[in-house]
Amino acid sequence: MNEQPESQGTQPHRTGSPRTILGIAIGVLLVVFVIMNRDETSISFIVFTAQTALWIALTIAAVGGFIAGFLVSRRRYGSQGAVVRGGPQR
């Protein structure tokens, strides 16, 4: 049999980046906030008003915010394949 020695603590312990941890914390707080706001409410749009649960309106607003943030912060690639963030370089 081909037995390999067990590795004892040879692999580095990996933790998430601060950005990942902050994103998870904000996501958890958002879920708790949405769950706590389950009352019925009236939502006014431009041309009509709808009666819905507040958690549904909050969830739609959060998803819309995530999509808008993703689209705005998305990386763009230049002609040389380099990553170009918005705005001119100084």
Foldseek 3Di string as FASTA:
>chain_A
DDDDDDDDPPDDDDDDDPVVVVVVVVVVVLVVVLVVQQCWDWADDPPDIDIDGPSVVSVVVVVVVVVVVCVQAPWDADPVRDTDGDDDDD
